[in-house]
Amino acid sequence: MKTSRLAGLVTLVCMSLAASGAFAQTEINITEGRIAATPIAVSTFLGSTEREAELARDITEVVRADLNSSDLFTSIEERRFRERIDSPNSLPDFEAWRSINAQALVTGRVSDVSEETIRIEFRLWDIFAAKQLFGLQLSTQREYWRRLAHIVADKVYERLSGESGYFDSKVAFISETGSKGARQKEIIIMDQDGNNARAFSDKGLILTPRFSPTGEEVVYLSYEDGTPRVYILSLETGHKGAVGAFPGLSFAPRFSPDGRFVVMSLQAGSHSDIHVFDLRSRESRQITNSLSINTSPSYSPDGKRIAFESDRGGNQQIYVMNADGSDPQRISFGEGRYASPVWSPRGDWIAFIKLFRGEFFIGVMSPEGKHERLLARGFHNEGPAWSPNGRVLMFFRDTPGETGGPHLWRVGVNGDNPRHIPTATFASDPSWSPLLHDIETP
């Protein structure tokens, strides 16, 4: 198992009572239109001591909040419960849970393994089939208890939807403080729900932090010496280094899916082209060549194609080309201008910004340019970033006026459940890490 200071140490052990079986009653199709959220009950986890019980309550609240924040589930309020769970090993009164329309039930217990280590045991129950779906034990150092709660929510999400979750993940963004004309900026790394924020300062203006495929590094743009350059920051050590020395201005960096390359845009005169930098050989190659602005490159999940923004046709539009720069094809043909394409981790959508009639939209379309769907609109929406499972988009929304500033928001890929993400300061340029417990375990 691979671990780091960013992720912490978490151990997952299957319980002997884990059961298999389909959950046909709540089968969810999350690719077609809007869906009704599935009612789920999360019973307050148990603890044998006062300290265990207090931590169990905190963990339960995080699990409920995670599931409730998705567009797939709605957590039933505890005041409606008609049964009190006294032991996570006992069969629930399924009829009592059916009576409040719960389709699934989560029960659990928190225990101290030592002064430094805690363990969670939890079970997921199919209420209508009256059986257990599965059970797990998870243990970690006490300081990482929130990660355990996020993993519980991920496992429930995965079992009921058939897809991986996104709760055990991090978000990088730019924190902005000070007056509107002279903002001070630094990189913040936090849990996806806004907790456990950690700052990484830089001497100059910084923009566009983007996670590596391992979640252990961030590539970003900095004006530290007055010239925009691309840097890589280690989140474990805090060490940073320039990607390379390039003529002209470099911007819009992003890792390839295998982490070997950084793709970016380099400006020469009035136009810019896309370059790929090999982190092993330290060599760079140019993959576009036109007297236009080519920028905002984003790899497909398999690394075979790149979506990018270009004004080669007269105004900003989205194009897709092979990873070597061959066969560029325009895919955006709606009204307005299109910018900042970001390929979904699933490969099924490309997110974008659309500027039309003075408004900024966050939208998605297929890699072929079909099925355009606008998810959010406003005075100034920018910076779409995908959740690890490709089902949620985070972005930042600016507000006008001298006291206005950017805030983080997220919305489901179906346009459901838009939510503001609380941060201590103004926040822009979000990037979502991979699912941490997926990349830790080989």
Protein backbone atom coordinates (compact mmCIF):
# COMPACT_ATOMS: atom_id res chain seq x y z
CA MET A 1 0.00 0.00 0.00
CA LYS A 2 1.38 3.37 -0.99
CA THR A 3 0.93 6.21 1.47
CA SER A 4 1.89 9.86 1.81
CA ARG A 5 1.40 12.72 4.23
CA LEU A 6 -1.27 14.06 1.89
CA ALA A 7 -3.34 10.90 1.99
CA GLY A 8 -2.67 9.35 5.39
CA LEU A 9 -2.75 5.66 6.21
CA VAL A 10 -6.03 3.79 5.80
CA THR A 11 -6.53 0.02 5.94
CA LEU A 12 -9.60 -1.69 4.51
CA VAL A 13 -10.54 -5.21 5.63
CA CYS A 14 -13.58 -7.11 4.36
CA MET A 15 -15.83 -8.40 7.15
CA SER A 16 -16.77 -12.04 7.21
CA LEU A 17 -20.47 -11.18 7.11
CA ALA A 18 -20.15 -9.27 3.83
CA ALA A 19 -22.88 -10.30 1.44
CA SER A 20 -23.24 -10.08 -2.31
CA GLY A 21 -26.28 -9.45 -4.40
CA ALA A 22 -27.82 -6.89 -6.71
CA PHE A 23 -29.63 -3.85 -5.40
CA ALA A 24 -32.20 -3.80 -8.16
CA GLN A 25 -34.69 -1.63 -6.29
CA THR A 26 -32.45 1.43 -6.56
CA GLU A 27 -30.63 0.81 -9.81
CA ILE A 28 -29.57 4.22 -11.03
CA ASN A 29 -29.07 5.45 -14.55
CA ILE A 30 -27.00 8.61 -14.26
CA THR A 31 -26.38 9.22 -17.95
CA GLU A 32 -29.81 10.20 -19.13
CA GLY A 33 -31.57 13.32 -17.87
CA ARG A 34 -32.38 14.15 -14.28
CA ILE A 35 -33.03 11.51 -11.66
CA ALA A 36 -34.82 11.35 -8.35
CA ALA A 37 -32.48 11.11 -5.39
CA THR A 38 -32.60 7.79 -3.51
CA PRO A 39 -33.68 8.10 0.17
CA ILE A 40 -31.03 6.60 2.45
CA ALA A 41 -30.90 6.36 6.25
CA VAL A 42 -27.56 6.63 8.03
CA SER A 43 -28.02 5.58 11.64
CA THR A 44 -25.71 7.31 14.11
CA PHE A 45 -22.67 5.08 14.53
CA LEU A 46 -22.15 3.55 17.96
CA GLY A 47 -19.28 3.87 20.42
CA SER A 48 -18.67 2.04 23.72
CA THR A 49 -17.03 4.98 25.49
CA GLU A 50 -17.83 8.67 25.60
CA ARG A 51 -14.81 9.44 23.43
CA GLU A 52 -15.79 6.78 20.89
CA ALA A 53 -19.41 7.94 20.85
CA GLU A 54 -18.40 11.57 20.23
CA LEU A 55 -16.17 10.60 17.32
CA ALA A 56 -18.87 8.23 16.01
CA ARG A 57 -21.35 11.12 15.87
CA ASP A 58 -18.86 13.29 13.97
CA ILE A 59 -18.15 10.50 11.47
CA THR A 60 -21.86 9.89 10.94
CA GLU A 61 -22.46 13.56 10.15
CA VAL A 62 -19.69 13.54 7.52
CA VAL A 63 -21.11 10.39 5.88
CA ARG A 64 -24.58 11.94 5.78
CA ALA A 65 -23.28 15.23 4.39
CA ASP A 66 -21.27 13.48 1.68
CA LEU A 67 -24.19 11.38 0.46
CA ASN A 68 -26.57 14.31 0.70
CA SER A 69 -24.24 16.53 -1.34
CA SER A 70 -24.42 14.18 -4.33
CA ASP A 71 -27.29 14.28 -6.80
CA LEU A 72 -27.96 10.56 -6.26
CA PHE A 73 -28.95 10.33 -2.60
CA THR A 74 -30.90 12.21 0.03
CA SER A 75 -30.21 11.47 3.68
CA ILE A 76 -33.35 10.93 5.76
CA GLU A 77 -33.48 13.11 8.88
CA GLU A 78 -32.82 11.19 12.08
CA ARG A 79 -35.97 12.55 13.75
CA ARG A 80 -38.00 10.43 11.32
CA PHE A 81 -36.31 7.15 12.31
CA ARG A 82 -38.64 4.58 13.92
CA GLU A 83 -35.95 2.23 15.15
CA ARG A 84 -32.92 2.88 17.29
CA ILE A 85 -29.93 0.77 16.30
CA ASP A 86 -28.29 -0.63 19.45
CA SER A 87 -25.91 -3.05 17.74
CA PRO A 88 -24.51 -2.93 14.19
CA ASN A 89 -24.44 -6.74 14.21
CA SER A 90 -28.19 -7.15 14.66
CA LEU A 91 -30.72 -7.35 11.86
CA PRO A 92 -32.64 -4.09 11.46
CA ASP A 93 -36.42 -3.95 11.65
CA PHE A 94 -36.81 -3.66 7.89
CA GLU A 95 -40.51 -2.80 8.11
CA ALA A 96 -39.74 0.19 10.35
CA TRP A 97 -37.32 1.53 7.74
CA ARG A 98 -39.72 0.84 4.85
CA SER A 99 -42.34 2.91 6.65
CA ILE A 100 -40.18 6.05 6.26
CA ASN A 101 -39.38 5.21 2.61
CA ALA A 102 -35.73 4.37 3.27
CA GLN A 103 -34.35 2.28 0.42
CA ALA A 104 -31.00 1.65 2.09
CA LEU A 105 -29.65 1.79 5.64
CA VAL A 106 -26.11 2.30 6.92
CA THR A 107 -25.20 1.16 10.43
CA GLY A 108 -21.82 1.19 12.12
CA ARG A 109 -19.58 1.32 15.15
CA VAL A 110 -16.40 3.23 16.05
CA SER A 111 -13.82 1.78 18.42
CA ASP A 112 -10.39 2.71 19.76
CA VAL A 113 -7.69 0.25 18.73
CA SER A 114 -5.04 2.25 20.61
CA GLU A 115 -4.42 5.85 21.67
CA GLU A 116 -3.47 6.70 18.09
CA THR A 117 -5.62 4.30 16.04
CA ILE A 118 -9.36 3.95 15.48
CA ARG A 119 -11.49 1.42 13.62
CA ILE A 120 -14.87 1.69 11.92
CA GLU A 121 -17.13 -1.27 11.23
CA PHE A 122 -20.10 -0.50 9.02
CA ARG A 123 -22.81 -2.35 7.10
CA LEU A 124 -25.08 -1.43 4.22
CA TRP A 125 -28.56 -2.93 4.22
CA ASP A 126 -31.03 -3.33 1.33
CA ILE A 127 -34.33 -2.44 3.01
CA PHE A 128 -36.73 -3.84 0.41
CA ALA A 129 -34.80 -7.07 -0.11
CA ALA A 130 -34.33 -7.29 3.70
CA LYS A 131 -30.68 -8.28 3.54
CA GLN A 132 -27.18 -7.00 4.06
CA LEU A 133 -25.38 -5.85 0.93
CA PHE A 134 -21.89 -5.69 2.40
CA GLY A 135 -19.81 -4.80 5.44
CA LEU A 136 -16.33 -3.39 5.88
CA GLN A 137 -13.80 -2.60 8.56
CA LEU A 138 -11.57 0.43 8.13
CA SER A 139 -8.81 1.60 10.44
CA THR A 140 -6.49 4.58 10.51
CA GLN A 141 -4.66 6.99 12.76
CA ARG A 142 -7.12 9.08 14.73
CA GLU A 143 -6.12 12.32 12.99
CA TYR A 144 -7.42 10.94 9.69
CA TRP A 145 -10.92 10.12 10.96
CA ARG A 146 -12.51 12.34 8.31
CA ARG A 147 -10.92 10.21 5.61
CA LEU A 148 -12.59 7.14 7.10
CA ALA A 149 -15.95 8.89 6.94
CA HIS A 150 -15.37 9.88 3.31
CA ILE A 151 -14.38 6.30 2.42
CA VAL A 152 -17.55 4.93 4.06
CA ALA A 153 -19.58 7.34 1.91
CA ASP A 154 -17.60 6.31 -1.18
CA LYS A 155 -18.23 2.61 -0.56
CA VAL A 156 -21.95 3.20 -0.09
CA TYR A 157 -22.08 5.36 -3.23
CA GLU A 158 -20.19 2.71 -5.19
CA ARG A 159 -22.38 -0.20 -4.03
CA LEU A 160 -25.66 1.56 -4.75
CA SER A 161 -24.78 3.35 -8.00
CA GLY A 162 -22.34 0.85 -9.53
CA GLU A 163 -19.74 3.61 -9.98
CA SER A 164 -16.84 4.87 -7.89
CA GLY A 165 -17.41 7.74 -5.50
CA TYR A 166 -15.53 11.01 -5.11
CA PHE A 167 -15.69 11.92 -1.43
CA ASP A 168 -12.19 10.72 -0.42
CA SER A 169 -10.46 13.31 -2.59
CA LYS A 170 -8.76 16.69 -2.43
CA VAL A 171 -9.35 20.01 -4.18
CA ALA A 172 -6.63 22.51 -5.06
CA PHE A 173 -7.58 26.14 -5.66
CA ILE A 174 -6.22 29.66 -5.56
CA SER A 175 -7.01 31.58 -2.38
CA GLU A 176 -7.45 35.31 -2.97
CA THR A 177 -7.20 37.97 -0.26
CA GLY A 178 -6.82 41.74 -0.23
CA SER A 179 -8.34 44.48 -2.35
CA LYS A 180 -9.80 43.64 -5.72
CA GLY A 181 -7.06 45.41 -7.65
CA ALA A 182 -4.18 43.89 -5.68
CA ARG A 183 -5.16 40.39 -4.64
CA GLN A 184 -2.67 38.20 -2.77
CA LYS A 185 -2.84 34.61 -3.98
CA GLU A 186 -1.68 31.23 -2.70
CA ILE A 187 -2.44 27.59 -3.42
CA ILE A 188 -4.79 25.85 -0.98
CA ILE A 189 -5.27 22.07 -0.79
CA MET A 190 -8.39 20.93 1.07
CA ASP A 191 -10.76 18.00 1.35
CA GLN A 192 -13.49 18.07 -1.30
CA ASP A 193 -16.02 19.19 1.34
CA GLY A 194 -13.94 22.21 2.36
CA ASN A 195 -12.17 20.84 5.46
CA ASN A 196 -8.48 20.32 6.33
CA ALA A 197 -7.22 23.25 4.26
CA ARG A 198 -3.45 23.58 3.87
CA ALA A 199 -1.72 26.58 2.26
CA PHE A 200 1.29 26.69 -0.07
CA SER A 201 2.61 30.21 -0.51
CA ASP A 202 4.50 31.62 -3.47
CA LYS A 203 6.30 34.93 -3.95
CA GLY A 204 4.44 35.93 -7.09
CA LEU A 205 1.07 35.78 -8.79
CA ILE A 206 -0.01 32.14 -9.13
CA LEU A 207 -2.72 30.59 -11.29
CA THR A 208 -4.25 27.31 -12.47
CA PRO A 209 -3.05 24.60 -10.06
CA ARG A 210 -3.64 21.13 -11.55
CA PHE A 211 -3.25 17.78 -9.77
CA SER A 212 -0.99 15.02 -11.01
CA PRO A 213 -2.52 11.55 -11.61
CA THR A 214 -1.15 10.40 -8.22
CA GLY A 215 -2.57 13.38 -6.33
CA GLU A 216 0.87 14.01 -4.81
CA GLU A 217 1.95 16.91 -7.03
CA VAL A 218 0.42 20.04 -8.49
CA VAL A 219 1.54 21.82 -11.65
CA TYR A 220 0.79 25.54 -11.76
CA LEU A 221 1.64 28.88 -13.33
CA SER A 222 3.65 31.45 -11.38
CA TYR A 223 4.87 34.99 -12.02
CA GLU A 224 7.50 34.69 -9.29
CA ASP A 225 10.24 36.45 -11.28
CA GLY A 226 7.84 38.65 -13.24
CA THR A 227 7.59 36.17 -16.13
CA PRO A 228 4.92 33.44 -16.24
CA ARG A 229 6.53 30.03 -15.78
CA VAL A 230 5.24 26.56 -15.05
CA TYR A 231 6.22 24.90 -11.77
CA ILE A 232 5.60 21.52 -10.13
CA LEU A 233 4.91 21.47 -6.40
CA SER A 234 5.31 18.38 -4.18
CA LEU A 235 2.45 18.36 -1.68
CA GLU A 236 4.34 16.07 0.69
CA THR A 237 7.59 18.03 0.93
CA GLY A 238 6.48 21.49 -0.23
CA HIS A 239 9.39 21.56 -2.68
CA LYS A 240 8.79 23.22 -6.06
CA GLY A 241 10.75 23.33 -9.27
CA ALA A 242 10.34 24.88 -12.70
CA VAL A 243 9.20 22.45 -15.40
CA GLY A 244 11.75 23.87 -17.82
CA ALA A 245 13.10 26.99 -19.43
CA PHE A 246 11.05 28.06 -22.45
CA PRO A 247 11.24 31.07 -24.73
CA GLY A 248 8.32 33.42 -24.36
CA LEU A 249 5.38 33.00 -21.98
CA SER A 250 4.19 29.60 -20.75
CA PHE A 251 0.71 29.01 -19.31
CA ALA A 252 -2.27 26.61 -19.00
CA PRO A 253 -0.26 23.56 -17.80
CA ARG A 254 -1.80 20.13 -17.21
CA PHE A 255 -0.44 16.62 -16.58
CA SER A 256 -0.94 13.72 -18.99
CA PRO A 257 -2.96 10.78 -17.56
CA ASP A 258 0.21 8.74 -16.94
CA GLY A 259 2.00 11.68 -15.31
CA ARG A 260 4.93 11.52 -17.73
CA PHE A 261 4.16 14.70 -19.66
CA VAL A 262 3.04 18.23 -18.97
CA VAL A 263 1.11 19.85 -21.79
CA MET A 264 1.01 23.64 -21.92
CA SER A 265 0.69 26.65 -24.16
CA LEU A 266 3.71 28.81 -25.08
CA GLN A 267 3.27 32.29 -26.48
CA ALA A 268 5.45 33.65 -29.28
CA GLY A 269 4.51 37.14 -30.39
CA SER A 270 0.77 37.51 -30.93
CA HIS A 271 0.02 33.80 -31.15
CA SER A 272 0.53 30.74 -28.98
CA ASP A 273 0.99 27.03 -29.63
CA ILE A 274 0.67 23.90 -27.56
CA HIS A 275 3.81 22.09 -26.43
CA VAL A 276 4.34 18.79 -24.63
CA PHE A 277 7.17 18.55 -22.10
CA ASP A 278 8.59 15.11 -21.22
CA LEU A 279 9.38 15.05 -17.49
CA ARG A 280 11.83 12.16 -17.95
CA SER A 281 13.88 13.30 -20.92
CA ARG A 282 13.35 17.02 -20.15
CA GLU A 283 12.60 17.58 -23.83
CA SER A 284 9.79 19.65 -25.30
CA ARG A 285 7.98 19.31 -28.60
CA GLN A 286 5.50 21.62 -30.31
CA ILE A 287 2.29 19.92 -31.47
CA THR A 288 0.32 22.85 -32.98
CA ASN A 289 1.58 25.31 -35.55
CA SER A 290 -0.78 28.08 -36.61
CA LEU A 291 -0.84 31.86 -36.52
CA SER A 292 -3.57 31.85 -33.89
CA ILE A 293 -4.05 31.40 -30.16
CA ASN A 294 -3.99 27.71 -29.21
CA THR A 295 -4.33 27.11 -25.49
CA SER A 296 -6.06 25.27 -22.59
CA PRO A 297 -5.01 21.73 -23.61
CA SER A 298 -6.57 18.75 -21.81
CA TYR A 299 -5.81 15.06 -22.40
CA SER A 300 -8.43 12.38 -22.88
CA PRO A 301 -8.28 9.73 -20.09
CA ASP A 302 -6.46 7.26 -22.37
CA GLY A 303 -3.90 9.89 -23.34
CA LYS A 304 -4.57 9.45 -27.05
CA ARG A 305 -6.27 12.79 -27.76
CA ILE A 306 -6.13 16.39 -26.59
CA ALA A 307 -8.97 18.90 -26.42
CA PHE A 308 -7.92 22.53 -26.73
CA GLU A 309 -9.17 26.04 -27.37
CA SER A 310 -8.27 27.95 -30.55
CA ASP A 311 -9.34 31.04 -32.47
CA ARG A 312 -7.99 29.69 -35.76
CA GLY A 313 -11.50 29.84 -37.21
CA GLY A 314 -12.05 33.49 -36.27
CA ASN A 315 -13.19 33.24 -32.63
CA GLN A 316 -12.75 30.99 -29.61
CA GLN A 317 -13.88 27.43 -30.25
CA ILE A 318 -13.05 23.94 -28.98
CA TYR A 319 -11.02 21.47 -31.04
CA VAL A 320 -9.90 17.88 -30.52
CA MET A 321 -6.68 16.49 -32.02
CA ASN A 322 -4.54 13.39 -31.66
CA ALA A 323 -1.94 13.56 -28.87
CA ASP A 324 0.81 14.17 -31.46
CA GLY A 325 -1.08 17.21 -32.83
CA SER A 326 -2.40 15.55 -35.97
CA ASP A 327 -5.96 15.71 -37.31
CA PRO A 328 -7.40 18.69 -35.37
CA GLN A 329 -11.19 18.81 -35.59
CA ARG A 330 -13.50 21.57 -34.39
CA ILE A 331 -16.29 20.20 -32.15
CA SER A 332 -18.13 23.33 -30.88
CA PHE A 333 -20.69 24.81 -33.26
CA GLY A 334 -23.30 26.48 -31.03
CA GLU A 335 -23.88 30.21 -30.70
CA GLY A 336 -21.26 32.17 -28.78
CA ARG A 337 -17.62 31.49 -27.93
CA TYR A 338 -16.25 28.35 -26.28
CA ALA A 339 -13.20 28.08 -24.03
CA SER A 340 -11.33 26.04 -21.39
CA PRO A 341 -12.19 22.46 -22.42
CA VAL A 342 -11.58 19.79 -19.76
CA TRP A 343 -11.93 16.10 -20.56
CA SER A 344 -13.95 13.99 -18.11
CA PRO A 345 -12.08 11.17 -16.28
CA ARG A 346 -14.66 8.82 -17.80
CA GLY A 347 -13.99 10.08 -21.31
CA ASP A 348 -17.67 10.63 -22.07
CA TRP A 349 -17.86 14.42 -21.75
CA ILE A 350 -15.78 17.53 -22.31
CA ALA A 351 -16.60 20.41 -19.97
CA PHE A 352 -16.25 23.98 -21.23
CA ILE A 353 -17.00 27.64 -20.68
CA LYS A 354 -19.42 29.30 -23.07
CA LEU A 355 -19.65 33.06 -23.51
CA PHE A 356 -22.96 34.10 -25.04
CA ARG A 357 -24.87 37.40 -24.88
CA GLY A 358 -22.81 38.71 -21.98
CA GLU A 359 -23.18 35.64 -19.77
CA PHE A 360 -20.81 32.85 -18.82
CA PHE A 361 -22.08 29.28 -18.93
CA ILE A 362 -20.55 26.05 -17.63
CA GLY A 363 -21.49 23.21 -19.95
CA VAL A 364 -20.61 19.77 -21.28
CA MET A 365 -20.64 18.15 -24.69
CA SER A 366 -19.55 14.79 -26.05
CA PRO A 367 -16.02 14.48 -27.52
CA GLU A 368 -17.71 14.51 -30.95
CA GLY A 369 -19.38 17.86 -30.17
CA LYS A 370 -22.86 16.42 -29.65
CA HIS A 371 -25.42 16.62 -26.83
CA GLU A 372 -24.39 20.05 -25.56
CA ARG A 373 -25.80 20.65 -22.09
CA LEU A 374 -25.51 23.92 -20.13
CA LEU A 375 -25.31 23.36 -16.37
CA ALA A 376 -24.76 26.80 -14.83
CA ARG A 377 -25.03 30.41 -15.95
CA GLY A 378 -24.05 33.72 -14.41
CA PHE A 379 -22.12 36.96 -14.50
CA HIS A 380 -18.75 35.20 -14.56
CA ASN A 381 -18.39 31.40 -14.34
CA GLU A 382 -14.99 29.86 -15.09
CA GLY A 383 -12.56 27.03 -14.39
CA PRO A 384 -14.54 23.76 -14.71
CA ALA A 385 -12.90 20.82 -12.91
CA TRP A 386 -14.14 17.20 -12.84
CA SER A 387 -14.68 15.01 -9.79
CA PRO A 388 -12.69 11.73 -9.89
CA ASN A 389 -15.73 9.77 -11.07
CA GLY A 390 -16.71 12.29 -13.75
CA ARG A 391 -20.18 12.94 -12.32
CA VAL A 392 -19.71 16.36 -10.69
CA LEU A 393 -18.16 19.61 -11.91
CA MET A 394 -16.56 22.22 -9.69
CA PHE A 395 -16.06 25.77 -10.98
CA PHE A 396 -15.70 29.30 -9.66
CA ARG A 397 -18.26 32.05 -9.90
CA ASP A 398 -17.19 35.69 -9.62
CA THR A 399 -19.48 38.39 -8.27
CA PRO A 400 -19.37 42.01 -9.50
CA GLY A 401 -18.52 45.19 -7.63
CA GLU A 402 -15.68 46.35 -5.42
CA THR A 403 -16.61 43.91 -2.66
CA GLY A 404 -17.22 41.02 -5.05
CA GLY A 405 -14.92 38.09 -5.70
CA PRO A 406 -14.77 34.45 -6.78
CA HIS A 407 -16.36 31.54 -4.92
CA LEU A 408 -16.27 27.80 -5.56
CA TRP A 409 -19.40 25.97 -6.71
CA ARG A 410 -20.19 22.47 -7.85
CA VAL A 411 -23.00 20.97 -9.91
CA GLY A 412 -23.96 17.48 -11.08
CA VAL A 413 -23.32 16.56 -14.70
CA ASN A 414 -27.09 16.49 -15.18
CA GLY A 415 -27.39 20.07 -13.96
CA ASP A 416 -28.68 18.93 -10.56
CA ASN A 417 -27.90 20.10 -7.07
CA PRO A 418 -25.75 23.25 -7.53
CA ARG A 419 -23.92 23.96 -4.27
CA HIS A 420 -21.61 26.63 -2.95
CA ILE A 421 -18.37 25.24 -1.48
CA PRO A 422 -17.40 27.21 1.64
CA THR A 423 -13.84 28.55 1.82
CA ALA A 424 -12.20 30.96 4.25
CA THR A 425 -11.30 33.39 1.46
CA PHE A 426 -12.25 34.15 -2.12
CA ALA A 427 -11.40 31.11 -4.22
CA SER A 428 -10.74 30.45 -7.92
CA ASP A 429 -9.16 27.97 -10.36
CA PRO A 430 -10.23 24.66 -8.74
CA SER A 431 -8.67 21.28 -9.56
CA TRP A 432 -9.94 17.93 -8.24
CA SER A 433 -7.57 15.15 -7.22
CA PRO A 434 -8.02 11.47 -8.05
CA LEU A 435 -9.85 9.28 -5.54
CA LEU A 436 -7.16 8.86 -2.89
CA HIS A 437 -7.86 5.31 -1.71
CA ASP A 438 -7.87 4.14 -5.34
CA ILE A 439 -4.34 5.37 -5.98
CA GLU A 440 -2.95 4.16 -2.63
CA THR A 441 -3.78 0.51 -3.10
CA PRO A 442 -2.02 -1.25 -6.04
